[in-house]
Amino acid sequence: MIMEFLTPHSWKDYELIDTGGMEKLERFGQFILARPEPQAVWKKALPESEWEKTAHARYRRQKGTDQARSENPEKGEWIKYKKMPDQWMIAFNYNGMNLRFRLGLTSFGHIGVFPEQAVNWEFIYDFISGQAGNKDFRVLNLFAYTGGASLAAKAAGADVVHVDSSKPTLTWAKEIMELSKLDGIRWVAEDALKFIRREAKRGNKYNGIILDPPAYGRGPEGEKWMLQDSIDEMISYCRDILMPSGSFMIFSLYSMGFSALIAENLVRTQFKTGINTETAELFFPDRSSRKLPLGTMLRLTN
């Protein structure tokens, strides 16, 4: 089944203002940022002078390939047009779930949240809340970054394991958990593929898996992750550790050229039978109603 998802318009602290010229203009709380966006190949609706007048800061990325930028993330900079802090707070509220995010202007251009994933936070929260005895519901979040999905699962009452190879990012995620008045998430600083391979060997099981892999990456001991080389193996371990009923998996792909059909084929090849899948292209509309694609997603339930 093919679906389309919009991140909720009710998120008061986020808005996509304009897109084009391989950039996007976004509002996070009271601050407006201009950031690179390689899929926004059309013309901007607003003139460049309006972008500079509106934005508090703009990120300039180093030249080179996506892989080169991933391996050398420090080569980029923020140019501030207006006075603003390097760190600030935004909120996300949904049906009794109240999350708080501490954002920051990082040297690699990210700011601590991927807004398009908010639709998945809602799904996770609703799915777990609807399960009887959800305190025994175990969730594994791989490539978990600052952990919006981890927070949604914990807010719904799940036992959460959060895996990311970056220790500074884990520290950031812990801070966000505390700001959201949650606790008890298990933090694991490890290469995601090594961790899930070990979990499969141990026979550990989970009721929910969130899989949000980058195109390129490195583990804490220099392990090299290449999506096209390792993703099929990763999905096979997800199959081994996912509970056979009353469970879910969310699989996101951000790499350009990786369609929802690829996600569907990967999952169907490994799981074969007994599952329901839905695929979607994540996007946000800007003020001119142009839809900015922000990756593809598959949801599996059984």
Protein backbone atom coordinates (compact mmCIF):
# COMPACT_ATOMS: atom_id res chain seq x y z
CA MET A 1 0.00 0.00 0.00
CA ILE A 2 1.36 3.42 -0.96
CA MET A 3 0.74 6.36 1.36
CA GLU A 4 1.66 10.02 1.54
CA PHE A 5 2.41 11.68 4.84
CA LEU A 6 2.56 15.29 5.87
CA THR A 7 4.20 16.30 9.09
CA PRO A 8 1.35 17.86 11.09
CA HIS A 9 0.45 21.45 10.45
CA SER A 10 -0.30 21.65 14.16
CA TRP A 11 3.41 21.73 14.98
CA LYS A 12 3.58 25.37 16.01
CA ASP A 13 7.35 25.42 16.42
CA TYR A 14 8.21 24.32 12.86
CA GLU A 15 7.44 25.69 9.39
CA LEU A 16 8.95 25.26 5.93
CA ILE A 17 8.81 28.79 4.53
CA ASP A 18 10.41 28.54 1.08
CA THR A 19 12.43 26.15 -1.06
CA GLY A 20 14.53 26.37 -4.20
CA GLY A 21 18.02 26.97 -5.51
CA MET A 22 19.06 23.81 -3.64
CA GLU A 23 18.21 25.41 -0.30
CA LYS A 24 15.35 25.47 2.20
CA LEU A 25 14.21 28.26 4.51
CA GLU A 26 12.79 26.93 7.78
CA ARG A 27 11.45 28.31 11.05
CA PHE A 28 12.36 26.49 14.25
CA GLY A 29 10.55 28.26 17.06
CA GLN A 30 11.37 31.96 16.75
CA PHE A 31 14.48 31.51 14.61
CA ILE A 32 14.66 31.10 10.82
CA LEU A 33 17.47 29.19 9.13
CA ALA A 34 18.57 28.72 5.52
CA ARG A 35 20.15 25.34 4.87
CA PRO A 36 21.31 23.31 1.84
CA GLU A 37 18.70 21.03 0.25
CA PRO A 38 19.96 19.19 -2.86
CA GLN A 39 16.47 18.11 -3.96
CA ALA A 40 15.09 21.67 -4.16
CA VAL A 41 16.19 22.14 -7.77
CA TRP A 42 13.44 24.61 -8.71
CA LYS A 43 13.50 28.40 -8.35
CA LYS A 44 12.80 30.05 -5.03
CA ALA A 45 9.41 31.69 -4.61
CA LEU A 46 10.93 34.51 -2.56
CA PRO A 47 13.75 36.71 -3.87
CA GLU A 48 17.22 36.17 -2.43
CA SER A 49 17.01 39.55 -0.73
CA GLU A 50 13.96 38.32 1.21
CA TRP A 51 15.83 35.19 2.31
CA GLU A 52 18.68 37.30 3.68
CA LYS A 53 16.21 39.69 5.30
CA THR A 54 14.19 36.87 6.89
CA ALA A 55 16.86 34.37 7.95
CA HIS A 56 18.70 34.59 11.23
CA ALA A 57 21.48 32.35 9.91
CA ARG A 58 22.54 30.41 6.82
CA TYR A 59 24.69 27.30 6.55
CA ARG A 60 27.34 27.13 3.85
CA ARG A 61 28.55 23.61 3.07
CA GLN A 62 31.99 22.70 1.74
CA LYS A 63 32.23 21.78 -1.92
CA GLY A 64 32.55 18.14 -2.93
CA THR A 65 30.57 14.92 -3.00
CA ASP A 66 28.07 13.80 -0.38
CA GLN A 67 30.54 11.12 0.71
CA ALA A 68 33.39 13.61 1.07
CA ARG A 69 31.17 15.90 3.14
CA SER A 70 30.10 12.98 5.34
CA GLU A 71 33.70 12.00 5.98
CA ASN A 72 34.74 15.62 6.66
CA PRO A 73 31.69 17.13 8.39
CA GLU A 74 33.59 19.95 10.06
CA LYS A 75 34.09 21.81 6.78
CA GLY A 76 31.05 24.04 6.80
CA GLU A 77 30.00 27.19 8.60
CA TRP A 78 27.00 29.19 9.78
CA ILE A 79 26.72 32.82 8.70
CA LYS A 80 24.55 34.84 11.05
CA TYR A 81 22.48 37.65 9.58
CA LYS A 82 20.79 38.52 12.86
CA LYS A 83 21.52 38.08 16.54
CA MET A 84 20.53 34.61 17.75
CA PRO A 85 21.88 32.04 20.24
CA ASP A 86 23.86 29.00 19.17
CA GLN A 87 21.39 26.86 21.16
CA TRP A 88 17.65 27.21 21.75
CA MET A 89 14.50 25.21 22.56
CA ILE A 90 11.42 24.07 20.65
CA ALA A 91 8.46 21.91 21.67
CA PHE A 92 6.46 19.14 20.01
CA ASN A 93 3.07 18.24 21.51
CA TYR A 94 0.75 15.45 20.41
CA ASN A 95 -2.15 13.74 22.17
CA GLY A 96 -0.60 13.96 25.63
CA MET A 97 2.99 13.53 24.43
CA ASN A 98 5.03 16.63 25.25
CA LEU A 99 8.56 16.61 23.86
CA ARG A 100 11.19 19.31 24.18
CA PHE A 101 14.19 19.63 21.88
CA ARG A 102 17.36 21.57 22.46
CA LEU A 103 18.57 22.69 19.03
CA GLY A 104 22.00 23.94 18.09
CA LEU A 105 23.98 25.30 15.14
CA THR A 106 26.40 22.44 14.53
CA SER A 107 29.46 22.56 12.31
CA PHE A 108 27.98 19.86 10.05
CA GLY A 109 24.73 21.74 9.37
CA HIS A 110 22.28 19.63 11.35
CA ILE A 111 20.53 21.27 14.27
CA GLY A 112 19.35 18.33 16.38
CA VAL A 113 16.03 17.31 14.85
CA PHE A 114 14.63 15.95 11.57
CA PRO A 115 11.12 17.48 11.46
CA GLU A 116 9.77 15.11 8.78
CA GLN A 117 10.08 12.26 11.30
CA ALA A 118 7.32 13.77 13.47
CA VAL A 119 4.71 11.66 11.67
CA ASN A 120 6.60 8.60 12.84
CA TRP A 121 6.75 9.87 16.42
CA GLU A 122 2.97 10.06 16.34
CA PHE A 123 2.69 6.55 14.89
CA ILE A 124 5.07 5.11 17.51
CA TYR A 125 3.23 6.80 20.36
CA ASP A 126 -0.21 5.66 19.13
CA PHE A 127 0.90 2.09 18.36
CA ILE A 128 2.53 1.50 21.74
CA SER A 129 -0.21 3.27 23.67
CA GLY A 130 -2.73 0.95 22.03
CA GLN A 131 -0.95 -2.20 23.23
CA ALA A 132 -2.08 -3.90 26.42
CA GLY A 133 0.72 -4.06 28.95
CA ASN A 134 2.91 -1.63 27.05
CA LYS A 135 5.46 -1.53 29.89
CA ASP A 136 6.76 -4.82 28.47
CA PHE A 137 6.95 -3.34 24.96
CA ARG A 138 10.63 -3.25 23.88
CA VAL A 139 11.82 -0.78 21.22
CA LEU A 140 15.21 -0.63 19.49
CA ASN A 141 16.19 2.64 17.81
CA LEU A 142 19.18 2.25 15.47
CA PHE A 143 21.17 5.21 14.08
CA ALA A 144 19.05 7.05 16.65
CA TYR A 145 20.65 10.54 16.51
CA THR A 146 19.10 12.83 19.17
CA GLY A 147 16.23 10.43 19.65
CA GLY A 148 12.84 11.90 18.78
CA ALA A 149 11.60 8.36 18.08
CA SER A 150 13.15 7.10 21.32
CA LEU A 151 11.33 9.81 23.25
CA ALA A 152 8.01 8.99 21.59
CA ALA A 153 8.38 5.31 22.50
CA LYS A 154 9.39 6.09 26.07
CA ALA A 155 6.53 8.59 26.47
CA ALA A 156 4.13 5.78 25.47
CA GLY A 157 5.57 3.52 28.18
CA ALA A 158 8.02 1.34 26.24
CA ASP A 159 11.40 -0.01 27.31
CA VAL A 160 13.77 1.73 24.87
CA VAL A 161 17.30 0.92 23.65
CA HIS A 162 18.86 3.86 21.79
CA VAL A 163 21.93 3.08 19.62
CA ASP A 164 24.19 5.68 18.02
CA SER A 165 27.91 5.62 17.28
CA SER A 166 28.50 9.25 18.32
CA LYS A 167 29.07 9.83 22.05
CA PRO A 168 28.46 13.61 21.77
CA THR A 169 25.15 12.89 20.05
CA LEU A 170 24.19 10.49 22.86
CA THR A 171 24.94 13.22 25.40
CA TRP A 172 22.69 15.55 23.42
CA ALA A 173 19.93 12.91 23.32
CA LYS A 174 20.14 12.43 27.12
CA GLU A 175 19.72 16.18 27.59
CA ILE A 176 16.63 16.17 25.38
CA MET A 177 15.19 13.22 27.34
CA GLU A 178 15.61 15.15 30.59
CA LEU A 179 14.11 18.31 29.09
CA SER A 180 11.09 16.20 28.05
CA LYS A 181 10.78 14.97 31.68
CA LEU A 182 11.40 11.34 30.71
CA ASP A 183 13.93 8.82 31.97
CA GLY A 184 15.04 5.22 31.72
CA ILE A 185 16.24 5.04 28.10
CA ARG A 186 19.22 2.69 27.66
CA TRP A 187 22.00 4.45 25.74
CA VAL A 188 24.42 2.43 23.61
CA ALA A 189 27.45 4.02 21.92
CA GLU A 190 28.21 1.43 19.25
CA ASP A 191 28.17 0.67 15.56
CA ALA A 192 24.53 -0.21 14.79
CA LEU A 193 25.32 -3.20 12.59
CA LYS A 194 27.63 -4.75 15.20
CA PHE A 195 25.02 -4.21 17.91
CA ILE A 196 22.08 -5.77 16.06
CA ARG A 197 24.25 -8.68 14.86
CA ARG A 198 25.05 -9.44 18.51
CA GLU A 199 21.41 -9.06 19.57
CA ALA A 200 20.37 -11.58 16.91
CA LYS A 201 23.03 -14.04 18.07
CA ARG A 202 21.82 -13.69 21.66
CA GLY A 203 18.22 -14.31 20.65
CA ASN A 204 16.99 -10.98 22.04
CA LYS A 205 13.61 -9.81 20.77
CA TYR A 206 11.95 -6.43 20.28
CA ASN A 207 8.36 -5.30 19.69
CA GLY A 208 9.43 -2.24 17.74
CA ILE A 209 12.45 -1.35 15.58
CA ILE A 210 13.25 2.11 14.20
CA LEU A 211 15.86 1.99 11.44
CA ASP A 212 17.05 5.34 10.10
CA PRO A 213 20.41 4.70 8.42
CA PRO A 214 22.64 7.31 6.76
CA ALA A 215 24.15 6.83 3.33
CA TYR A 216 27.64 6.90 4.83
CA GLY A 217 28.93 6.74 8.37
CA ARG A 218 31.58 5.53 10.77
CA GLY A 219 31.28 3.67 14.06
CA PRO A 220 33.11 4.63 17.27
CA GLU A 221 36.04 2.35 16.35
CA GLY A 222 36.25 3.50 12.74
CA GLU A 223 33.78 0.94 11.36
CA LYS A 224 32.69 2.03 7.90
CA TRP A 225 28.98 2.03 7.03
CA MET A 226 27.93 2.11 3.39
CA LEU A 227 24.17 1.86 2.95
CA GLN A 228 24.18 -0.12 -0.28
CA ASP A 229 26.73 -2.61 1.08
CA SER A 230 25.19 -3.32 4.48
CA ILE A 231 21.46 -2.59 4.45
CA ASP A 232 20.33 -6.06 3.32
CA GLU A 233 22.29 -7.67 6.17
CA MET A 234 20.82 -5.13 8.60
CA ILE A 235 17.26 -5.94 7.51
CA SER A 236 17.95 -9.67 7.97
CA TYR A 237 18.85 -9.06 11.62
CA CYS A 238 15.75 -6.92 12.05
CA ARG A 239 13.74 -9.92 10.85
CA ASP A 240 15.48 -12.16 13.39
CA ILE A 241 14.86 -9.96 16.42
CA LEU A 242 11.38 -8.54 15.68
CA MET A 243 8.56 -10.24 17.59
CA PRO A 244 6.27 -12.20 15.22
CA SER A 245 3.05 -10.44 16.24
CA GLY A 246 1.89 -7.14 17.72
CA SER A 247 5.06 -5.42 16.55
CA PHE A 248 6.24 -2.75 14.11
CA MET A 249 9.30 -1.63 12.19
CA ILE A 250 9.90 1.81 10.66
CA PHE A 251 12.56 1.96 7.95
CA SER A 252 13.58 5.36 6.51
CA LEU A 253 15.79 6.07 3.50
CA TYR A 254 17.23 9.52 2.80
CA SER A 255 19.70 8.70 0.02
CA MET A 256 18.79 10.26 -3.31
CA GLY A 257 17.89 7.55 -5.79
CA PHE A 258 16.62 5.13 -3.13
CA SER A 259 12.89 4.85 -3.71
CA ALA A 260 10.18 3.37 -1.52
CA LEU A 261 10.22 0.37 -3.85
CA ILE A 262 13.77 -0.41 -2.75
CA ALA A 263 12.67 -0.39 0.89
CA GLU A 264 9.72 -2.63 -0.01
CA ASN A 265 11.93 -5.10 -1.89
CA LEU A 266 14.50 -5.26 0.90
CA VAL A 267 11.86 -5.96 3.55
CA ARG A 268 9.79 -8.39 1.49
CA THR A 269 12.90 -10.36 0.55
CA GLN A 270 13.84 -10.92 4.17
CA PHE A 271 10.44 -11.19 5.90
CA LYS A 272 8.63 -12.98 3.04
CA THR A 273 5.22 -13.58 4.74
CA GLY A 274 3.10 -12.59 7.75
CA ILE A 275 3.61 -8.85 7.55
CA ASN A 276 1.75 -5.74 6.42
CA THR A 277 3.75 -2.96 4.79
CA GLU A 278 2.97 0.63 3.89
CA THR A 279 5.36 2.91 2.02
CA ALA A 280 5.44 6.67 1.74
CA GLU A 281 7.44 9.61 0.48
CA LEU A 282 7.96 12.02 3.32
CA PHE A 283 7.59 15.67 2.44
CA PHE A 284 6.75 19.14 3.69
CA PRO A 285 4.87 21.81 1.75
CA ASP A 286 6.35 25.28 1.74
CA ARG A 287 4.22 28.43 1.80
CA SER A 288 3.86 28.20 -1.98
CA SER A 289 2.43 24.66 -1.61
CA ARG A 290 5.41 23.06 -3.29
CA LYS A 291 6.18 19.69 -1.74
CA LEU A 292 9.79 19.19 -0.72
CA PRO A 293 10.71 15.46 -0.74
CA LEU A 294 12.53 14.48 2.44
CA GLY A 295 13.11 10.78 2.04
CA THR A 296 11.10 7.60 1.75
CA MET A 297 9.72 5.40 4.49
CA LEU A 298 8.33 1.92 5.04
CA ARG A 299 6.22 0.84 7.99
CA LEU A 300 5.88 -2.84 8.77
CA THR A 301 3.32 -4.25 11.19
CA ASN A 302 2.37 -7.81 12.07
